[in-house]
Amino acid sequence: MKKTIYSKYDKKDINDLPIVQFEGRIIVIVSPGETEKAVDYLLSKDILGVDTETRPSFKKGQAHLVALLQVATHDTCFLFRLNHTGLTPALIRFLEDKTVPKIGLSWHDDIHSLHKRGNFEPGYFVDLQKHVGEIGVKDMSLQKLFANFFHLKIQKRQQLSNWESDVLTDKQKMYAATDAWACIKLYEELLRLKNTNDYELKKNEDEIQERVSEEG
């Protein structure tokens, strides 16, 4: 039986889904010296998930630099607290690496934000938003994509929390790690579906009505 994927996943259906969280190790990096070994470890892996977090701004004209770079393997996630470490030579080496695929979502925006912390030439990055469109999926948010592909819910409550806090809460760490890890899971499932053609794409009622209206 083929897997059903929707071109657009109805957001109201997400609330009833089981919650998914990263179940591996989470390692917080707070000093520049720690970044070297962490990057060596990460670049020894076959695939990585990446994401960033920035302290939200609630005042017009106010902006903050990227505070966190999270990088996950299948079972370990490093949280690089950039507001403490800055972009060290090791982190620049990571961002410029061209050997290990690093999977992100809307990664062009993250690259733009990271460039405000330092200069580097982006290496081997894969943006999920580009590739999901190739099988007809129009959703672009991580939460909707994960619900669509796996019928599981990623919690987003920590998204607007203070990522420059002296100490990250357990909920912040879990949120950040889950987002990075989820990118790997989505990419691997996307590749599987494209290679096997083991899916059927369905349009929801709103899309069908829109097309009927356009043709009418």
C-alpha atoms as a PDB file:
ATOM      1  CA  MET A   1       0.000   0.000   0.000  1.00  0.00           C
ATOM      2  CA  LYS A   2       1.438   3.320  -1.082  1.00  0.00           C
ATOM      3  CA  LYS A   3       2.040   6.119   1.394  1.00  0.00           C
ATOM      4  CA  THR A   4      -0.370   9.048   1.098  1.00  0.00           C
ATOM      5  CA  ILE A   5       1.281  12.451   0.917  1.00  0.00           C
ATOM      6  CA  TYR A   6      -0.768  15.646   0.698  1.00  0.00           C
ATOM      7  CA  SER A   7       0.230  18.566  -1.478  1.00  0.00           C
ATOM      8  CA  LYS A   8      -0.966  20.766   1.393  1.00  0.00           C
ATOM      9  CA  TYR A   9      -1.405  19.441   4.923  1.00  0.00           C
ATOM     10  CA  ASP A  10      -4.289  20.926   6.903  1.00  0.00           C
ATOM     11  CA  LYS A  11      -2.820  22.652   9.967  1.00  0.00           C
ATOM     12  CA  LYS A  12      -5.858  21.888  12.120  1.00  0.00           C
ATOM     13  CA  ASP A  13      -5.137  18.169  11.753  1.00  0.00           C
ATOM     14  CA  ILE A  14      -1.704  18.553  13.395  1.00  0.00           C
ATOM     15  CA  ASN A  15      -3.072  19.137  16.901  1.00  0.00           C
ATOM     16  CA  ASP A  16      -4.388  15.580  17.190  1.00  0.00           C
ATOM     17  CA  LEU A  17      -1.140  13.889  16.144  1.00  0.00           C
ATOM     18  CA  PRO A  18       1.247  12.162  18.591  1.00  0.00           C
ATOM     19  CA  ILE A  19       4.212  14.337  19.617  1.00  0.00           C
ATOM     20  CA  VAL A  20       7.678  13.409  18.378  1.00  0.00           C
ATOM     21  CA  GLN A  21      10.961  14.412  20.055  1.00  0.00           C
ATOM     22  CA  PHE A  22      14.633  13.758  19.536  1.00  0.00           C
ATOM     23  CA  GLU A  23      15.673  10.813  21.718  1.00  0.00           C
ATOM     24  CA  GLY A  24      19.467  10.994  21.440  1.00  0.00           C
ATOM     25  CA  ARG A  25      22.251  12.837  23.256  1.00  0.00           C
ATOM     26  CA  ILE A  26      22.192  16.631  23.371  1.00  0.00           C
ATOM     27  CA  ILE A  27      25.548  18.339  23.920  1.00  0.00           C
ATOM     28  CA  VAL A  28      25.700  22.087  24.540  1.00  0.00           C
ATOM     29  CA  ILE A  29      28.858  23.880  23.351  1.00  0.00           C
ATOM     30  CA  VAL A  30      29.547  27.150  25.168  1.00  0.00           C
ATOM     31  CA  SER A  31      33.290  27.795  24.735  1.00  0.00           C
ATOM     32  CA  PRO A  32      35.320  28.342  21.546  1.00  0.00           C
ATOM     33  CA  GLY A  33      37.745  25.576  22.503  1.00  0.00           C
ATOM     34  CA  GLU A  34      34.986  22.960  22.512  1.00  0.00           C
ATOM     35  CA  THR A  35      34.026  23.627  18.906  1.00  0.00           C
ATOM     36  CA  GLU A  36      37.084  21.903  17.379  1.00  0.00           C
ATOM     37  CA  LYS A  37      36.386  18.386  18.701  1.00  0.00           C
ATOM     38  CA  ALA A  38      32.665  18.756  18.088  1.00  0.00           C
ATOM     39  CA  VAL A  39      33.217  19.688  14.432  1.00  0.00           C
ATOM     40  CA  ASP A  40      35.700  16.824  13.965  1.00  0.00           C
ATOM     41  CA  TYR A  41      33.074  14.413  15.290  1.00  0.00           C
ATOM     42  CA  LEU A  42      30.277  15.808  13.117  1.00  0.00           C
ATOM     43  CA  LEU A  43      32.314  15.788   9.912  1.00  0.00           C
ATOM     44  CA  SER A  44      33.073  12.101  10.441  1.00  0.00           C
ATOM     45  CA  LYS A  45      29.370  11.307   9.853  1.00  0.00           C
ATOM     46  CA  ASP A  46      27.536  10.565   6.591  1.00  0.00           C
ATOM     47  CA  ILE A  47      24.665  13.034   6.943  1.00  0.00           C
ATOM     48  CA  LEU A  48      23.757  15.929   9.273  1.00  0.00           C
ATOM     49  CA  GLY A  49      20.679  17.978  10.062  1.00  0.00           C
ATOM     50  CA  VAL A  50      21.129  21.708  10.680  1.00  0.00           C
ATOM     51  CA  ASP A  51      19.103  24.628  11.970  1.00  0.00           C
ATOM     52  CA  THR A  52      19.588  27.937  13.771  1.00  0.00           C
ATOM     53  CA  GLU A  53      17.759  29.915  16.458  1.00  0.00           C
ATOM     54  CA  THR A  54      17.733  33.656  17.038  1.00  0.00           C
ATOM     55  CA  ARG A  55      16.408  35.629  19.978  1.00  0.00           C
ATOM     56  CA  PRO A  56      13.074  37.096  18.856  1.00  0.00           C
ATOM     57  CA  SER A  57      12.728  40.828  18.528  1.00  0.00           C
ATOM     58  CA  PHE A  58       9.542  42.526  19.672  1.00  0.00           C
ATOM     59  CA  LYS A  59      10.569  46.115  18.905  1.00  0.00           C
ATOM     60  CA  LYS A  60      10.519  47.711  15.485  1.00  0.00           C
ATOM     61  CA  GLY A  61      14.015  48.108  14.069  1.00  0.00           C
ATOM     62  CA  GLN A  62      15.596  45.833  16.669  1.00  0.00           C
ATOM     63  CA  ALA A  63      17.416  42.724  15.476  1.00  0.00           C
ATOM     64  CA  HIS A  64      19.612  40.091  17.087  1.00  0.00           C
ATOM     65  CA  LEU A  65      22.426  37.935  15.753  1.00  0.00           C
ATOM     66  CA  VAL A  66      22.005  34.172  15.449  1.00  0.00           C
ATOM     67  CA  ALA A  67      22.337  32.748  18.956  1.00  0.00           C
ATOM     68  CA  LEU A  68      22.350  29.013  18.292  1.00  0.00           C
ATOM     69  CA  LEU A  69      23.529  26.636  15.581  1.00  0.00           C
ATOM     70  CA  GLN A  70      22.223  23.113  16.108  1.00  0.00           C
ATOM     71  CA  VAL A  71      23.728  20.197  14.205  1.00  0.00           C
ATOM     72  CA  ALA A  72      22.364  16.662  14.561  1.00  0.00           C
ATOM     73  CA  THR A  73      23.330  13.151  13.562  1.00  0.00           C
ATOM     74  CA  HIS A  74      20.802  10.328  13.891  1.00  0.00           C
ATOM     75  CA  ASP A  75      21.546  10.008  17.602  1.00  0.00           C
ATOM     76  CA  THR A  76      23.533  13.047  18.781  1.00  0.00           C
ATOM     77  CA  CYS A  77      22.905  16.782  18.556  1.00  0.00           C
ATOM     78  CA  PHE A  78      25.388  19.557  19.268  1.00  0.00           C
ATOM     79  CA  LEU A  79      24.012  22.952  20.232  1.00  0.00           C
ATOM     80  CA  PHE A  80      26.617  25.617  19.457  1.00  0.00           C
ATOM     81  CA  ARG A  81      25.810  28.729  21.480  1.00  0.00           C
ATOM     82  CA  LEU A  82      27.135  31.298  19.020  1.00  0.00           C
ATOM     83  CA  ASN A  83      26.407  34.184  21.392  1.00  0.00           C
ATOM     84  CA  HIS A  84      29.161  32.656  23.583  1.00  0.00           C
ATOM     85  CA  THR A  85      31.530  31.108  21.030  1.00  0.00           C
ATOM     86  CA  GLY A  86      31.180  33.303  17.964  1.00  0.00           C
ATOM     87  CA  LEU A  87      32.038  31.773  14.588  1.00  0.00           C
ATOM     88  CA  THR A  88      35.277  30.033  15.476  1.00  0.00           C
ATOM     89  CA  PRO A  89      37.717  28.706  12.815  1.00  0.00           C
ATOM     90  CA  ALA A  90      36.306  25.216  13.497  1.00  0.00           C
ATOM     91  CA  LEU A  91      32.736  26.359  12.876  1.00  0.00           C
ATOM     92  CA  ILE A  92      33.770  28.145   9.701  1.00  0.00           C
ATOM     93  CA  ARG A  93      35.463  24.905   8.607  1.00  0.00           C
ATOM     94  CA  PHE A  94      32.168  23.138   9.297  1.00  0.00           C
ATOM     95  CA  LEU A  95      30.110  25.646   7.327  1.00  0.00           C
ATOM     96  CA  GLU A  96      32.533  25.486   4.376  1.00  0.00           C
ATOM     97  CA  ASP A  97      32.827  21.687   4.340  1.00  0.00           C
ATOM     98  CA  LYS A  98      31.935  20.133   0.965  1.00  0.00           C
ATOM     99  CA  THR A  99      32.055  16.442   1.892  1.00  0.00           C
ATOM    100  CA  VAL A 100      29.120  15.821   4.283  1.00  0.00           C
ATOM    101  CA  PRO A 101      25.550  16.728   3.243  1.00  0.00           C
ATOM    102  CA  LYS A 102      23.943  19.104   5.742  1.00  0.00           C
ATOM    103  CA  ILE A 103      20.160  19.110   5.516  1.00  0.00           C
ATOM    104  CA  GLY A 104      18.202  22.217   6.474  1.00  0.00           C
ATOM    105  CA  LEU A 105      14.928  23.988   5.841  1.00  0.00           C
ATOM    106  CA  SER A 106      14.892  27.457   4.291  1.00  0.00           C
ATOM    107  CA  TRP A 107      18.638  27.249   4.763  1.00  0.00           C
ATOM    108  CA  HIS A 108      19.301  30.246   2.504  1.00  0.00           C
ATOM    109  CA  ASP A 109      17.862  32.461   5.257  1.00  0.00           C
ATOM    110  CA  ASP A 110      20.044  30.791   7.880  1.00  0.00           C
ATOM    111  CA  ILE A 111      23.157  31.312   5.749  1.00  0.00           C
ATOM    112  CA  HIS A 112      22.276  34.983   5.396  1.00  0.00           C
ATOM    113  CA  SER A 113      21.918  35.321   9.173  1.00  0.00           C
ATOM    114  CA  LEU A 114      25.137  33.406   9.887  1.00  0.00           C
ATOM    115  CA  HIS A 115      27.042  35.694   7.525  1.00  0.00           C
ATOM    116  CA  LYS A 116      26.328  38.529   9.953  1.00  0.00           C
ATOM    117  CA  ARG A 117      28.557  36.695  12.435  1.00  0.00           C
ATOM    118  CA  GLY A 118      31.429  36.082  10.012  1.00  0.00           C
ATOM    119  CA  ASN A 119      32.514  35.476   6.442  1.00  0.00           C
ATOM    120  CA  PHE A 120      32.510  31.992   4.936  1.00  0.00           C
ATOM    121  CA  GLU A 121      31.753  30.223   1.654  1.00  0.00           C
ATOM    122  CA  PRO A 122      28.804  27.850   2.175  1.00  0.00           C
ATOM    123  CA  GLY A 123      29.708  24.202   1.581  1.00  0.00           C
ATOM    124  CA  TYR A 124      27.489  21.165   1.012  1.00  0.00           C
ATOM    125  CA  PHE A 125      23.996  22.182   2.124  1.00  0.00           C
ATOM    126  CA  VAL A 126      20.672  20.706   1.004  1.00  0.00           C
ATOM    127  CA  ASP A 127      17.492  22.758   1.389  1.00  0.00           C
ATOM    128  CA  LEU A 128      14.408  20.610   1.944  1.00  0.00           C
ATOM    129  CA  GLN A 129      12.105  23.308   0.618  1.00  0.00           C
ATOM    130  CA  LYS A 130      13.600  22.897  -2.830  1.00  0.00           C
ATOM    131  CA  HIS A 131      13.278  19.120  -2.892  1.00  0.00           C
ATOM    132  CA  VAL A 132       9.780  18.565  -1.449  1.00  0.00           C
ATOM    133  CA  GLY A 133       8.392  20.609  -4.323  1.00  0.00           C
ATOM    134  CA  GLU A 134       9.780  18.053  -6.755  1.00  0.00           C
ATOM    135  CA  ILE A 135       7.145  15.519  -5.656  1.00  0.00           C
ATOM    136  CA  GLY A 136       4.346  18.088  -5.567  1.00  0.00           C
ATOM    137  CA  VAL A 137       4.334  19.079  -1.893  1.00  0.00           C
ATOM    138  CA  LYS A 138       3.612  22.777  -1.387  1.00  0.00           C
ATOM    139  CA  ASP A 139       4.006  23.011   2.394  1.00  0.00           C
ATOM    140  CA  MET A 140       7.233  24.659   3.507  1.00  0.00           C
ATOM    141  CA  SER A 141       7.173  24.608   7.325  1.00  0.00           C
ATOM    142  CA  LEU A 142       8.979  21.877   9.239  1.00  0.00           C
ATOM    143  CA  GLN A 143       5.950  21.117  11.402  1.00  0.00           C
ATOM    144  CA  LYS A 144       3.630  20.638   8.419  1.00  0.00           C
ATOM    145  CA  LEU A 145       6.164  18.597   6.474  1.00  0.00           C
ATOM    146  CA  PHE A 146       6.820  16.232   9.379  1.00  0.00           C
ATOM    147  CA  ALA A 147       3.102  15.802   9.987  1.00  0.00           C
ATOM    148  CA  ASN A 148       2.585  15.125   6.289  1.00  0.00           C
ATOM    149  CA  PHE A 149       5.386  12.574   5.898  1.00  0.00           C
ATOM    150  CA  PHE A 150       5.236  10.849   9.303  1.00  0.00           C
ATOM    151  CA  HIS A 151       1.870  11.773  10.914  1.00  0.00           C
ATOM    152  CA  LEU A 152       3.699  13.071  13.981  1.00  0.00           C
ATOM    153  CA  LYS A 153       3.669  16.513  15.611  1.00  0.00           C
ATOM    154  CA  ILE A 154       6.742  18.632  16.317  1.00  0.00           C
ATOM    155  CA  GLN A 155       6.130  21.053  19.194  1.00  0.00           C
ATOM    156  CA  LYS A 156       6.890  24.705  18.313  1.00  0.00           C
ATOM    157  CA  ARG A 157       6.228  26.394  21.674  1.00  0.00           C
ATOM    158  CA  GLN A 158       9.867  27.299  22.306  1.00  0.00           C
ATOM    159  CA  GLN A 159      10.376  29.025  18.960  1.00  0.00           C
ATOM    160  CA  LEU A 160       9.954  32.537  20.355  1.00  0.00           C
ATOM    161  CA  SER A 161      11.807  31.943  23.619  1.00  0.00           C
ATOM    162  CA  ASN A 162      15.006  33.793  24.560  1.00  0.00           C
ATOM    163  CA  TRP A 163      17.851  31.939  22.846  1.00  0.00           C
ATOM    164  CA  GLU A 164      20.418  34.224  24.493  1.00  0.00           C
ATOM    165  CA  SER A 165      19.481  33.186  28.047  1.00  0.00           C
ATOM    166  CA  ASP A 166      22.437  32.417  30.306  1.00  0.00           C
ATOM    167  CA  VAL A 167      21.314  28.792  30.468  1.00  0.00           C
ATOM    168  CA  LEU A 168      19.049  27.064  27.960  1.00  0.00           C
ATOM    169  CA  THR A 169      16.095  25.213  29.454  1.00  0.00           C
ATOM    170  CA  ASP A 170      15.580  21.505  28.819  1.00  0.00           C
ATOM    171  CA  LYS A 171      12.584  22.402  26.653  1.00  0.00           C
ATOM    172  CA  GLN A 172      14.681  24.774  24.537  1.00  0.00           C
ATOM    173  CA  LYS A 173      17.381  22.139  24.074  1.00  0.00           C
ATOM    174  CA  MET A 174      14.840  19.509  23.074  1.00  0.00           C
ATOM    175  CA  TYR A 175      13.122  21.870  20.646  1.00  0.00           C
ATOM    176  CA  ALA A 176      16.400  22.827  18.958  1.00  0.00           C
ATOM    177  CA  ALA A 177      17.673  19.248  18.714  1.00  0.00           C
ATOM    178  CA  THR A 178      14.363  17.941  17.370  1.00  0.00           C
ATOM    179  CA  ASP A 179      14.288  20.501  14.563  1.00  0.00           C
ATOM    180  CA  ALA A 180      17.792  19.609  13.352  1.00  0.00           C
ATOM    181  CA  TRP A 181      17.229  15.842  13.633  1.00  0.00           C
ATOM    182  CA  ALA A 182      13.855  16.101  11.865  1.00  0.00           C
ATOM    183  CA  CYS A 183      15.590  17.487   8.780  1.00  0.00           C
ATOM    184  CA  ILE A 184      17.573  14.255   8.408  1.00  0.00           C
ATOM    185  CA  LYS A 185      14.463  12.118   8.818  1.00  0.00           C
ATOM    186  CA  LEU A 186      12.528  14.121   6.242  1.00  0.00           C
ATOM    187  CA  TYR A 187      15.326  14.049   3.691  1.00  0.00           C
ATOM    188  CA  GLU A 188      15.874  10.307   4.001  1.00  0.00           C
ATOM    189  CA  GLU A 189      12.151   9.616   3.662  1.00  0.00           C
ATOM    190  CA  LEU A 190      11.904  11.989   0.713  1.00  0.00           C
ATOM    191  CA  LEU A 191      14.734  10.154  -1.056  1.00  0.00           C
ATOM    192  CA  ARG A 192      13.090   6.793  -0.325  1.00  0.00           C
ATOM    193  CA  LEU A 193       9.763   7.904  -1.776  1.00  0.00           C
ATOM    194  CA  LYS A 194      11.380   9.395  -4.880  1.00  0.00           C
ATOM    195  CA  ASN A 195      13.454   6.265  -5.502  1.00  0.00           C
ATOM    196  CA  THR A 196      10.638   3.768  -4.948  1.00  0.00           C
ATOM    197  CA  ASN A 197       7.692   5.855  -6.131  1.00  0.00           C
ATOM    198  CA  ASP A 198       5.952   4.344  -3.104  1.00  0.00           C
ATOM    199  CA  TYR A 199       3.521   7.203  -2.556  1.00  0.00           C
ATOM    200  CA  GLU A 200       0.433   8.861  -3.910  1.00  0.00           C
ATOM    201  CA  LEU A 201      -0.053  12.616  -3.840  1.00  0.00           C
ATOM    202  CA  LYS A 202      -3.451  13.909  -2.790  1.00  0.00           C
ATOM    203  CA  LYS A 203      -4.879  17.386  -2.981  1.00  0.00           C
ATOM    204  CA  ASN A 204      -7.045  18.652  -0.128  1.00  0.00           C
ATOM    205  CA  GLU A 205     -10.551  20.039  -0.572  1.00  0.00           C
ATOM    206  CA  ASP A 206      -9.441  23.692  -0.595  1.00  0.00           C
ATOM    207  CA  GLU A 207      -7.066  23.077  -3.494  1.00  0.00           C
ATOM    208  CA  ILE A 208      -9.714  21.169  -5.425  1.00  0.00           C
ATOM    209  CA  GLN A 209     -12.202  24.018  -4.944  1.00  0.00           C
ATOM    210  CA  GLU A 210      -9.583  26.573  -6.034  1.00  0.00           C
ATOM    211  CA  ARG A 211      -8.934  24.652  -9.252  1.00  0.00           C
ATOM    212  CA  VAL A 212     -12.674  24.280  -9.946  1.00  0.00           C
ATOM    213  CA  SER A 213     -13.092  28.036  -9.461  1.00  0.00           C
ATOM    214  CA  GLU A 214     -10.178  28.809 -11.783  1.00  0.00           C
ATOM    215  CA  GLU A 215     -11.439  26.477 -14.492  1.00  0.00           C
ATOM    216  CA  GLY A 216     -14.970  27.821 -14.111  1.00  0.00           C
END
